[in-house]
């Protein structure tokens, strides 16, 4: 039944979209974004594409641990309650680690 197949595909796409999954139906399924890249794209407006500047601090190439530590401190309000604190509140620890790891690998 063709209607059921389409319904299952649409349902699977909706689940994938709701969970933030990079899963795609069809031949493009092999194309996935590296972990952290999409999450880190939020940083690019102020820190430049891939964290390379120009802008505020250049993030590319810093150690993943130091980037993660800074993000956690900002989230806790240790750097004040400005824009970075608000941005960091929107991420889990695991997501902050993915962002830090991605940015640390940019050159």
C-alpha atoms as a PDB file:
ATOM      1  CA  UNK A   1       0.000   0.000   0.000  1.00  0.00           C
ATOM      2  CA  UNK A   2       1.739   3.173  -1.177  1.00  0.00           C
ATOM      3  CA  UNK A   3      -0.082   5.415   1.324  1.00  0.00           C
ATOM      4  CA  UNK A   4       1.329   3.493   4.249  1.00  0.00           C
ATOM      5  CA  UNK A   5       4.897   3.699   2.931  1.00  0.00           C
ATOM      6  CA  UNK A   6       4.646   7.456   2.518  1.00  0.00           C
ATOM      7  CA  UNK A   7       3.050   7.771   5.957  1.00  0.00           C
ATOM      8  CA  UNK A   8       5.889   5.811   7.551  1.00  0.00           C
ATOM      9  CA  UNK A   9       8.501   7.930   5.801  1.00  0.00           C
ATOM     10  CA  UNK A  10       6.820  11.158   6.854  1.00  0.00           C
ATOM     11  CA  UNK A  11       6.494   9.866  10.414  1.00  0.00           C
ATOM     12  CA  UNK A  12      10.150   8.850  10.476  1.00  0.00           C
ATOM     13  CA  UNK A  13      11.180  12.269   9.156  1.00  0.00           C
ATOM     14  CA  UNK A  14       9.130  14.021  11.813  1.00  0.00           C
ATOM     15  CA  UNK A  15      10.738  11.904  14.532  1.00  0.00           C
ATOM     16  CA  UNK A  16      14.182  12.622  13.098  1.00  0.00           C
ATOM     17  CA  UNK A  17      13.454  16.354  12.972  1.00  0.00           C
ATOM     18  CA  UNK A  18      12.055  16.427  16.499  1.00  0.00           C
ATOM     19  CA  UNK A  19      15.083  14.632  17.926  1.00  0.00           C
ATOM     20  CA  UNK A  20      17.637  16.687  16.010  1.00  0.00           C
ATOM     21  CA  UNK A  21      18.801  13.629  14.136  1.00  0.00           C
ATOM     22  CA  UNK A  22      20.812  14.034  10.955  1.00  0.00           C
ATOM     23  CA  UNK A  23      18.947  11.071   9.430  1.00  0.00           C
ATOM     24  CA  UNK A  24      17.632  11.619   5.918  1.00  0.00           C
ATOM     25  CA  UNK A  25      15.544   9.282   3.771  1.00  0.00           C
ATOM     26  CA  UNK A  26      17.142   8.348   0.472  1.00  0.00           C
ATOM     27  CA  UNK A  27      20.596   8.477  -1.129  1.00  0.00           C
ATOM     28  CA  UNK A  28      21.691  11.537   0.846  1.00  0.00           C
ATOM     29  CA  UNK A  29      21.619   9.485   4.061  1.00  0.00           C
ATOM     30  CA  UNK A  30      25.397   9.034   3.914  1.00  0.00           C
ATOM     31  CA  UNK A  31      25.889  12.799   4.256  1.00  0.00           C
ATOM     32  CA  UNK A  32      26.134  13.726   7.921  1.00  0.00           C
ATOM     33  CA  UNK A  33      27.575  16.738   9.648  1.00  0.00           C
ATOM     34  CA  UNK A  34      30.451  16.219  12.090  1.00  0.00           C
ATOM     35  CA  UNK A  35      29.413  16.192  15.729  1.00  0.00           C
ATOM     36  CA  UNK A  36      29.264  19.685  17.180  1.00  0.00           C
ATOM     37  CA  UNK A  37      29.351  21.547  13.883  1.00  0.00           C
ATOM     38  CA  UNK A  38      25.669  22.458  13.809  1.00  0.00           C
ATOM     39  CA  UNK A  39      25.665  23.317  17.516  1.00  0.00           C
ATOM     40  CA  UNK A  40      28.745  25.531  17.077  1.00  0.00           C
ATOM     41  CA  UNK A  41      27.168  27.388  14.159  1.00  0.00           C
ATOM     42  CA  UNK A  42      25.372  29.537  16.724  1.00  0.00           C
ATOM     43  CA  UNK A  43      28.794  30.895  17.774  1.00  0.00           C
ATOM     44  CA  UNK A  44      29.718  32.100  14.283  1.00  0.00           C
ATOM     45  CA  UNK A  45      27.815  35.378  14.318  1.00  0.00           C
ATOM     46  CA  UNK A  46      30.095  36.797  17.014  1.00  0.00           C
ATOM     47  CA  UNK A  47      33.186  34.609  16.720  1.00  0.00           C
ATOM     48  CA  UNK A  48      33.405  34.219  12.940  1.00  0.00           C
ATOM     49  CA  UNK A  49      32.922  31.212  10.697  1.00  0.00           C
ATOM     50  CA  UNK A  50      34.169  28.069  12.428  1.00  0.00           C
ATOM     51  CA  UNK A  51      35.311  30.270  15.331  1.00  0.00           C
ATOM     52  CA  UNK A  52      38.175  31.744  13.287  1.00  0.00           C
ATOM     53  CA  UNK A  53      37.212  35.415  13.731  1.00  0.00           C
ATOM     54  CA  UNK A  54      37.040  38.241  13.104  1.00  0.00           C
ATOM     55  CA  UNK A  55      34.915  39.246  16.023  1.00  0.00           C
ATOM     56  CA  UNK A  56      35.222  38.587  19.687  1.00  0.00           C
ATOM     57  CA  UNK A  57      37.594  35.894  20.941  1.00  0.00           C
ATOM     58  CA  UNK A  58      38.967  33.577  18.278  1.00  0.00           C
ATOM     59  CA  UNK A  59      37.817  30.117  19.378  1.00  0.00           C
ATOM     60  CA  UNK A  60      39.323  27.920  16.663  1.00  0.00           C
ATOM     61  CA  UNK A  61      42.214  25.803  17.844  1.00  0.00           C
ATOM     62  CA  UNK A  62      41.818  26.408  21.581  1.00  0.00           C
ATOM     63  CA  UNK A  63      41.885  23.243  23.636  1.00  0.00           C
ATOM     64  CA  UNK A  64      38.555  21.473  23.932  1.00  0.00           C
ATOM     65  CA  UNK A  65      38.865  21.303  27.709  1.00  0.00           C
ATOM     66  CA  UNK A  66      39.519  25.027  28.114  1.00  0.00           C
ATOM     67  CA  UNK A  67      36.616  25.916  25.803  1.00  0.00           C
ATOM     68  CA  UNK A  68      34.318  23.563  27.696  1.00  0.00           C
ATOM     69  CA  UNK A  69      35.445  24.944  31.066  1.00  0.00           C
ATOM     70  CA  UNK A  70      34.795  28.513  29.890  1.00  0.00           C
ATOM     71  CA  UNK A  71      31.339  27.604  28.629  1.00  0.00           C
ATOM     72  CA  UNK A  72      30.426  25.900  31.905  1.00  0.00           C
ATOM     73  CA  UNK A  73      31.658  28.934  33.887  1.00  0.00           C
ATOM     74  CA  UNK A  74      29.632  31.248  31.668  1.00  0.00           C
ATOM     75  CA  UNK A  75      26.563  29.083  32.074  1.00  0.00           C
ATOM     76  CA  UNK A  76      26.976  29.255  35.867  1.00  0.00           C
ATOM     77  CA  UNK A  77      27.067  33.055  35.679  1.00  0.00           C
ATOM     78  CA  UNK A  78      30.725  33.366  36.772  1.00  0.00           C
ATOM     79  CA  UNK A  79      31.383  35.684  33.826  1.00  0.00           C
ATOM     80  CA  UNK A  80      28.261  37.745  34.423  1.00  0.00           C
ATOM     81  CA  UNK A  81      24.750  37.437  33.057  1.00  0.00           C
ATOM     82  CA  UNK A  82      25.319  38.724  29.559  1.00  0.00           C
ATOM     83  CA  UNK A  83      24.770  37.224  26.151  1.00  0.00           C
ATOM     84  CA  UNK A  84      27.193  34.315  26.563  1.00  0.00           C
ATOM     85  CA  UNK A  85      25.562  33.221  29.791  1.00  0.00           C
ATOM     86  CA  UNK A  86      22.185  33.175  28.074  1.00  0.00           C
ATOM     87  CA  UNK A  87      23.535  31.253  25.071  1.00  0.00           C
ATOM     88  CA  UNK A  88      25.263  28.643  27.218  1.00  0.00           C
ATOM     89  CA  UNK A  89      22.087  28.023  29.255  1.00  0.00           C
ATOM     90  CA  UNK A  90      20.537  26.511  26.149  1.00  0.00           C
ATOM     91  CA  UNK A  91      22.966  23.580  25.981  1.00  0.00           C
ATOM     92  CA  UNK A  92      23.476  20.380  27.945  1.00  0.00           C
ATOM     93  CA  UNK A  93      26.931  19.380  29.196  1.00  0.00           C
ATOM     94  CA  UNK A  94      27.193  16.858  26.365  1.00  0.00           C
ATOM     95  CA  UNK A  95      26.337  19.538  23.782  1.00  0.00           C
ATOM     96  CA  UNK A  96      28.881  21.957  25.271  1.00  0.00           C
ATOM     97  CA  UNK A  97      31.521  19.221  24.970  1.00  0.00           C
ATOM     98  CA  UNK A  98      30.590  18.674  21.305  1.00  0.00           C
ATOM     99  CA  UNK A  99      30.846  22.409  20.611  1.00  0.00           C
ATOM    100  CA  UNK A 100      34.203  22.662  22.397  1.00  0.00           C
ATOM    101  CA  UNK A 101      35.552  19.607  20.588  1.00  0.00           C
ATOM    102  CA  UNK A 102      34.447  20.898  17.166  1.00  0.00           C
ATOM    103  CA  UNK A 103      35.943  24.346  17.687  1.00  0.00           C
ATOM    104  CA  UNK A 104      39.214  22.899  19.031  1.00  0.00           C
ATOM    105  CA  UNK A 105      39.697  21.008  15.738  1.00  0.00           C
ATOM    106  CA  UNK A 106      39.282  24.098  13.526  1.00  0.00           C
ATOM    107  CA  UNK A 107      42.474  25.603  12.161  1.00  0.00           C
END
